[in-house]
Amino acid sequence: MIIEGEKFEFVDTIESPITIPDSWVKPQNKLGSGNGEAKLYIGSKDKMESFFGGHGFIVYCFVLKKDLLAYMNAIKEEYFHPSQDYRGKDDMKSLWLERMGKINKLPDIATFQIKEQTQIDGIRGYVNSSDDIYKLIREISLPLVTYISAMHLIYNNHSMFYWKLFADFQEIEKRKAYIENYGMASYRNDTENKWNVREYDLDAPQSIPIKYTRDGQSEYRKKLLEECPFCPITMINEESLLIASHIKPWAVSDSNERIDPNNGFILSPLYDKLFDRGYITFSCDKRVFVSNWLSRQVKERIGIRENQLIQFLPINGQREKYLEYHREYVFKG
């Protein structure tokens, strides 16, 4: 693959993306107390070491300036209209501008080193770094709604690890829905909750269940089904197995875009999830693009190939505009 004019050999992508915890981000981004810590939990120690090169690894990583700018633009809505009670909530707009300024001063490819935290016992794998780029990633990341994926590449016979930040539009959507349905409730961080869900505590005998509804979505789904009553990839036409998937994510759409049937496709569950998470997208001539941020094993199993023609995919001028947004800000290219 070619990155900024340089040729890299693709090896693999880390199996599970890294969800950014509250403990890792800089203080102004934090939801809870404390000043944060620089070590980052990657995953189980055995899988982490297998991906990065063995016990005690010290490896070179890089980020692309254009990726950081794209991430900041994708998550701009969260900075300007937070779905979470960040410590620096009142300053988030100015922080976004300040951080964009820092990113714009970076070279096109910014490198840093990470090393395994071998002093930590147990099965959990952590890395750390004293490099400025690593610190900048901590500064711009928002807890629980940012995640990082890493790609193992070979450059001039040396291993390099390409890091890329993504906005978790699904998680932002859930949190916005809590606010819209119940108001800005106080919350607690249940550190023992293995599902890593932030539960909202209301002044009531029992907490409101974690659920939400999307206003207008029944009619939105109905109109999409009238236009295309099947998944154009699998041809499944059983309505109970079909999902009305947004092209421009619900979390960053305005009230009209959220219910505009041109901002959607009918997809079966696997392809809805792949599309929603940005692992596939479509061209205006009905070709599918598959992200390299899927591991080799997953790409082999999803049953769709790069540049495959999806003949029955409904495309019109309005959907083309929504797809431009999806390709630029959602697709993990």
Protein backbone atom coordinates (compact mmCIF):
# COMPACT_ATOMS: atom_id res chain seq x y z
CA MET A 1 0.00 0.00 0.00
CA ILE A 2 1.11 3.58 -0.69
CA ILE A 3 1.06 6.11 2.17
CA GLU A 4 2.13 9.69 1.48
CA GLY A 5 4.08 8.52 -1.56
CA GLU A 6 5.94 5.77 0.32
CA LYS A 7 5.44 2.05 -0.29
CA PHE A 8 4.51 -0.11 2.71
CA GLU A 9 3.85 -3.83 2.85
CA PHE A 10 0.63 -4.65 4.68
CA VAL A 11 0.93 -7.36 7.35
CA ASP A 12 -2.23 -7.22 9.47
CA THR A 13 -4.57 -5.05 11.53
CA ILE A 14 -4.97 -5.40 15.27
CA GLU A 15 -7.87 -7.72 16.05
CA SER A 16 -9.78 -5.42 18.43
CA PRO A 17 -9.69 -1.60 18.21
CA ILE A 18 -8.67 0.22 21.38
CA THR A 19 -11.51 2.11 23.06
CA ILE A 20 -10.09 5.17 24.81
CA PRO A 21 -10.75 5.03 28.58
CA ASP A 22 -11.37 8.02 30.81
CA SER A 23 -8.21 7.20 32.76
CA TRP A 24 -5.96 7.86 29.74
CA VAL A 25 -7.10 11.22 28.37
CA LYS A 26 -5.83 14.65 29.39
CA PRO A 27 -7.62 16.32 32.35
CA GLN A 28 -9.86 18.71 30.36
CA ASN A 29 -11.33 15.74 28.47
CA LYS A 30 -11.99 13.65 31.55
CA LEU A 31 -15.38 12.63 32.87
CA GLY A 32 -14.24 11.50 36.30
CA SER A 33 -11.76 12.62 38.93
CA GLY A 34 -7.99 12.26 38.90
CA ASN A 35 -5.32 13.49 36.54
CA GLY A 36 -5.12 10.45 34.28
CA GLU A 37 -2.29 8.08 33.50
CA ALA A 38 -0.10 7.69 30.44
CA LYS A 39 -0.23 3.91 30.10
CA LEU A 40 -2.79 2.66 27.59
CA TYR A 41 -4.57 -0.68 27.81
CA ILE A 42 -4.33 -2.45 24.45
CA GLY A 43 -5.89 -5.84 25.16
CA SER A 44 -4.84 -9.21 26.48
CA LYS A 45 -1.09 -9.40 26.93
CA ASP A 46 -0.62 -12.46 24.71
CA LYS A 47 -2.52 -10.96 21.76
CA MET A 48 -0.81 -7.59 22.21
CA GLU A 49 2.67 -9.14 22.23
CA SER A 50 1.82 -11.33 19.25
CA PHE A 51 0.77 -8.28 17.23
CA PHE A 52 3.55 -5.88 18.25
CA GLY A 53 6.46 -8.30 18.23
CA GLY A 54 6.97 -10.26 21.43
CA HIS A 55 7.53 -9.69 25.13
CA GLY A 56 9.14 -6.37 26.04
CA PHE A 57 8.62 -4.82 22.59
CA ILE A 58 9.67 -1.29 21.73
CA VAL A 59 8.27 -0.32 18.32
CA TYR A 60 8.01 2.65 15.99
CA CYS A 61 4.54 3.97 15.24
CA PHE A 62 3.18 6.80 13.14
CA VAL A 63 0.06 8.85 12.54
CA LEU A 64 -0.85 10.92 9.50
CA LYS A 65 -1.65 14.60 9.86
CA LYS A 66 -4.53 14.25 7.39
CA ASP A 67 -6.02 11.42 9.52
CA LEU A 68 -5.88 13.52 12.69
CA LEU A 69 -7.54 16.43 10.88
CA ALA A 70 -10.24 14.09 9.54
CA TYR A 71 -10.81 12.68 13.03
CA MET A 72 -11.13 16.16 14.54
CA ASN A 73 -13.62 17.17 11.84
CA ALA A 74 -15.58 13.94 12.34
CA ILE A 75 -15.82 14.51 16.10
CA LYS A 76 -16.28 18.30 15.90
CA GLU A 77 -19.97 18.01 16.73
CA GLU A 78 -19.06 16.25 19.99
CA TYR A 79 -16.61 19.02 20.90
CA PHE A 80 -19.16 21.75 20.08
CA HIS A 81 -22.25 20.02 21.52
CA PRO A 82 -20.95 17.45 24.04
CA SER A 83 -22.93 14.33 24.79
CA GLN A 84 -20.87 13.81 27.95
CA ASP A 85 -20.05 15.98 30.95
CA TYR A 86 -16.39 16.62 30.20
CA ARG A 87 -14.39 18.45 32.84
CA GLY A 88 -13.57 21.17 30.31
CA LYS A 89 -17.05 21.13 28.80
CA ASP A 90 -17.41 24.93 28.73
CA ASP A 91 -14.12 25.27 26.83
CA MET A 92 -14.55 22.46 24.30
CA LYS A 93 -15.02 24.76 21.29
CA SER A 94 -11.82 26.67 21.99
CA LEU A 95 -10.01 23.40 22.76
CA TRP A 96 -11.05 22.05 19.35
CA LEU A 97 -9.60 25.11 17.62
CA GLU A 98 -6.42 25.01 19.71
CA ARG A 99 -5.87 21.33 18.99
CA MET A 100 -6.54 21.76 15.28
CA GLY A 101 -3.81 24.39 15.32
CA LYS A 102 -1.35 21.94 16.87
CA ILE A 103 -2.19 19.26 14.32
CA ASN A 104 -1.76 21.65 11.42
CA LYS A 105 1.84 22.26 12.53
CA LEU A 106 2.73 18.56 12.31
CA PRO A 107 4.61 16.96 9.41
CA ASP A 108 2.54 14.81 7.07
CA ILE A 109 3.83 11.68 8.84
CA ALA A 110 4.46 12.01 12.58
CA THR A 111 6.35 9.19 14.30
CA PHE A 112 6.60 8.06 17.90
CA GLN A 113 7.72 5.04 19.91
CA ILE A 114 5.72 2.87 22.29
CA LYS A 115 7.00 0.24 24.66
CA GLU A 116 5.34 -2.54 26.56
CA GLN A 117 4.82 -1.97 30.28
CA THR A 118 6.43 -5.22 31.40
CA GLN A 119 6.44 -4.14 35.04
CA ILE A 120 2.67 -4.63 35.20
CA ASP A 121 1.72 -8.12 36.29
CA GLY A 122 -1.30 -10.03 35.06
CA ILE A 123 -2.88 -10.79 31.72
CA ARG A 124 -3.71 -7.20 30.70
CA GLY A 125 -1.37 -5.61 28.16
CA TYR A 126 -0.33 -1.94 28.38
CA VAL A 127 1.94 0.40 26.44
CA ASN A 128 3.40 3.81 27.22
CA SER A 129 5.46 6.53 25.57
CA SER A 130 7.11 9.83 26.44
CA ASP A 131 6.93 11.12 22.86
CA ASP A 132 5.02 14.32 22.04
CA ILE A 133 2.81 12.68 19.38
CA TYR A 134 1.61 10.11 21.91
CA LYS A 135 0.82 12.99 24.29
CA LEU A 136 -1.07 14.78 21.51
CA ILE A 137 -3.18 11.68 20.87
CA ARG A 138 -4.07 11.67 24.59
CA GLU A 139 -4.96 15.35 24.31
CA ILE A 140 -7.36 15.13 21.36
CA SER A 141 -9.02 11.82 22.27
CA LEU A 142 -12.37 11.86 24.05
CA PRO A 143 -13.14 9.01 26.47
CA LEU A 144 -15.49 6.23 25.37
CA VAL A 145 -16.36 7.92 22.04
CA THR A 146 -12.87 7.70 20.49
CA TYR A 147 -11.12 4.51 19.52
CA ILE A 148 -7.79 3.69 17.90
CA SER A 149 -6.87 0.95 15.49
CA ALA A 150 -3.34 -0.10 14.62
CA MET A 151 -1.98 -1.62 11.43
CA HIS A 152 1.28 -3.58 11.16
CA LEU A 153 3.25 -2.56 8.08
CA ILE A 154 6.75 -3.21 6.73
CA TYR A 155 8.80 -0.25 5.48
CA ASN A 156 12.32 -0.83 4.14
CA ASN A 157 12.37 -4.23 5.88
CA HIS A 158 11.42 -2.68 9.23
CA SER A 159 8.16 -3.08 11.12
CA MET A 160 6.09 0.07 11.57
CA PHE A 161 2.70 0.47 13.22
CA TYR A 162 0.19 2.85 11.71
CA TRP A 163 -2.22 4.31 14.30
CA LYS A 164 -5.50 5.90 13.31
CA LEU A 165 -8.16 7.57 15.48
CA PHE A 166 -11.86 7.15 14.83
CA ALA A 167 -15.02 8.71 16.22
CA ASP A 168 -17.47 6.14 17.59
CA PHE A 169 -20.69 7.54 16.13
CA GLN A 170 -22.77 4.72 17.62
CA GLU A 171 -21.63 5.54 21.14
CA ILE A 172 -22.15 9.27 20.60
CA GLU A 173 -25.66 8.52 19.32
CA LYS A 174 -26.54 6.58 22.47
CA ARG A 175 -25.29 9.34 24.73
CA LYS A 176 -27.08 12.07 22.79
CA ALA A 177 -30.27 10.02 22.98
CA TYR A 178 -29.96 9.79 26.77
CA ILE A 179 -29.74 13.58 26.94
CA GLU A 180 -32.60 14.14 24.50
CA ASN A 181 -34.86 11.62 26.28
CA TYR A 182 -33.97 12.27 29.91
CA GLY A 183 -32.02 15.54 30.12
CA MET A 184 -28.44 15.95 31.30
CA ALA A 185 -28.61 13.56 34.23
CA SER A 186 -25.79 13.09 36.66
CA TYR A 187 -23.93 9.85 36.13
CA ARG A 188 -21.50 7.52 37.78
CA ASN A 189 -18.70 5.51 36.26
CA ASP A 190 -19.19 1.89 37.20
CA THR A 191 -15.63 0.60 36.96
CA GLU A 192 -16.76 -2.93 37.75
CA ASN A 193 -19.17 -3.02 34.82
CA LYS A 194 -17.48 -5.36 32.38
CA TRP A 195 -19.51 -3.94 29.49
CA ASN A 196 -17.94 -0.53 30.10
CA VAL A 197 -21.32 1.22 30.10
CA ARG A 198 -21.75 4.55 31.85
CA GLU A 199 -25.01 4.32 33.79
CA TYR A 200 -27.04 7.44 34.45
CA ASP A 201 -28.26 7.88 38.04
CA LEU A 202 -31.46 9.85 38.45
CA ASP A 203 -33.05 11.02 41.68
CA ALA A 204 -35.56 8.20 41.60
CA PRO A 205 -35.96 4.87 43.40
CA GLN A 206 -34.83 3.01 40.30
CA SER A 207 -32.56 4.03 37.44
CA ILE A 208 -34.10 4.47 34.01
CA PRO A 209 -33.15 1.50 31.81
CA ILE A 210 -30.43 1.96 29.23
CA LYS A 211 -32.53 2.31 26.09
CA TYR A 212 -33.54 4.98 23.64
CA THR A 213 -35.78 5.61 20.66
CA ARG A 214 -35.27 7.58 17.47
CA ASP A 215 -38.16 9.90 16.70
CA GLY A 216 -39.49 9.50 13.17
CA GLN A 217 -37.58 6.31 12.44
CA SER A 218 -40.64 4.13 11.85
CA GLU A 219 -41.67 6.28 8.89
CA TYR A 220 -38.04 6.51 7.75
CA ARG A 221 -37.76 2.71 7.68
CA LYS A 222 -41.14 2.37 5.93
CA LYS A 223 -40.06 4.69 3.08
CA LEU A 224 -36.76 2.88 2.64
CA LEU A 225 -38.51 -0.49 2.44
CA GLU A 226 -40.96 0.87 -0.13
CA GLU A 227 -38.03 1.86 -2.33
CA CYS A 228 -35.93 -1.28 -1.79
CA PRO A 229 -37.64 -4.09 0.18
CA PHE A 230 -34.50 -6.23 0.42
CA CYS A 231 -30.81 -6.01 1.25
CA PRO A 232 -29.10 -5.22 -2.08
CA ILE A 233 -26.01 -7.19 -1.05
CA THR A 234 -27.56 -10.43 0.24
CA MET A 235 -31.01 -10.12 -1.41
CA ILE A 236 -32.60 -11.04 1.96
CA ASN A 237 -36.19 -9.75 1.96
CA GLU A 238 -37.42 -10.88 5.37
CA GLU A 239 -38.32 -7.54 7.02
CA SER A 240 -37.47 -8.74 10.52
CA LEU A 241 -33.89 -9.30 9.33
CA LEU A 242 -33.49 -5.91 7.66
CA ILE A 243 -32.15 -2.67 9.16
CA ALA A 244 -32.68 0.91 8.02
CA SER A 245 -29.06 2.07 8.09
CA HIS A 246 -28.07 5.75 8.04
CA ILE A 247 -25.39 6.88 5.59
CA LYS A 248 -24.49 10.08 7.45
CA PRO A 249 -24.61 8.92 11.08
CA TRP A 250 -27.64 9.83 13.16
CA ALA A 251 -25.37 11.37 15.81
CA VAL A 252 -24.09 14.07 13.44
CA SER A 253 -27.20 14.53 11.30
CA ASP A 254 -29.63 17.40 11.76
CA SER A 255 -33.32 16.78 12.42
CA ASN A 256 -34.17 16.66 8.70
CA GLU A 257 -31.23 14.42 7.75
CA ARG A 258 -32.18 11.92 10.46
CA ILE A 259 -35.53 11.19 8.82
CA ASP A 260 -34.55 11.71 5.17
CA PRO A 261 -34.86 8.30 3.44
CA ASN A 262 -32.19 9.41 0.97
CA ASN A 263 -29.80 9.25 3.95
CA GLY A 264 -30.13 5.50 4.19
CA PHE A 265 -30.01 1.99 2.81
CA ILE A 266 -31.83 -1.17 3.77
CA LEU A 267 -29.17 -3.70 4.81
CA SER A 268 -29.02 -7.06 6.52
CA PRO A 269 -27.45 -7.02 10.02
CA LEU A 270 -23.84 -7.93 9.15
CA TYR A 271 -23.57 -5.36 6.37
CA ASP A 272 -25.43 -2.75 8.41
CA LYS A 273 -22.80 -3.13 11.12
CA LEU A 274 -19.91 -3.05 8.65
CA PHE A 275 -21.34 0.07 6.98
CA ASP A 276 -22.24 1.76 10.26
CA ARG A 277 -18.75 1.21 11.67
CA GLY A 278 -17.08 2.36 8.46
CA TYR A 279 -15.59 -0.98 7.42
CA ILE A 280 -17.34 -0.82 4.05
CA THR A 281 -18.61 2.03 1.92
CA PHE A 282 -19.93 2.52 -1.60
CA SER A 283 -18.99 4.54 -4.64
CA CYS A 284 -21.57 6.46 -6.62
CA ASP A 285 -21.34 3.79 -9.36
CA LYS A 286 -22.44 1.10 -6.86
CA ARG A 287 -19.01 -0.40 -6.12
CA VAL A 288 -18.10 -1.49 -2.61
CA PHE A 289 -14.87 -0.52 -0.84
CA VAL A 290 -13.61 -2.74 1.99
CA SER A 291 -11.44 -1.22 4.72
CA ASN A 292 -7.91 -2.46 5.40
CA TRP A 293 -8.64 -1.78 9.08
CA LEU A 294 -10.35 -5.15 9.16
CA SER A 295 -8.02 -8.00 10.05
CA ARG A 296 -7.13 -10.48 7.29
CA GLN A 297 -9.26 -13.19 8.90
CA VAL A 298 -12.36 -11.02 9.05
CA LYS A 299 -11.94 -9.75 5.48
CA GLU A 300 -11.85 -13.35 4.30
CA ARG A 301 -15.05 -14.20 6.15
CA ILE A 302 -17.41 -11.30 5.44
CA GLY A 303 -18.35 -12.58 1.98
CA ILE A 304 -17.80 -9.41 -0.01
CA ARG A 305 -14.85 -8.36 -2.13
CA GLU A 306 -13.23 -5.03 -2.96
CA ASN A 307 -14.79 -3.23 -5.96
CA GLN A 308 -17.69 -5.67 -6.14
CA LEU A 309 -20.67 -4.26 -8.04
CA ILE A 310 -23.83 -4.03 -5.92
CA GLN A 311 -26.25 -3.87 -8.82
CA PHE A 312 -29.43 -3.17 -6.82
CA LEU A 313 -27.97 -0.53 -4.50
CA PRO A 314 -30.35 2.47 -4.82
CA ILE A 315 -28.31 5.55 -5.76
CA ASN A 316 -29.57 9.04 -6.55
CA GLY A 317 -28.12 12.54 -6.41
CA GLN A 318 -29.04 13.11 -2.76
CA ARG A 319 -27.56 9.77 -1.67
CA GLU A 320 -24.38 10.62 -3.54
CA LYS A 321 -23.93 13.67 -1.28
CA TYR A 322 -24.50 11.61 1.87
CA LEU A 323 -22.06 8.99 0.58
CA GLU A 324 -19.40 11.68 0.14
CA TYR A 325 -19.67 12.34 3.87
CA HIS A 326 -19.53 8.62 4.65
CA ARG A 327 -16.43 8.06 2.55
CA GLU A 328 -14.64 11.07 4.05
CA TYR A 329 -15.55 10.81 7.75
CA VAL A 330 -16.96 7.34 8.46
CA PHE A 331 -15.16 4.91 6.15
CA LYS A 332 -11.87 3.62 7.53
CA GLY A 333 -9.89 4.13 4.37
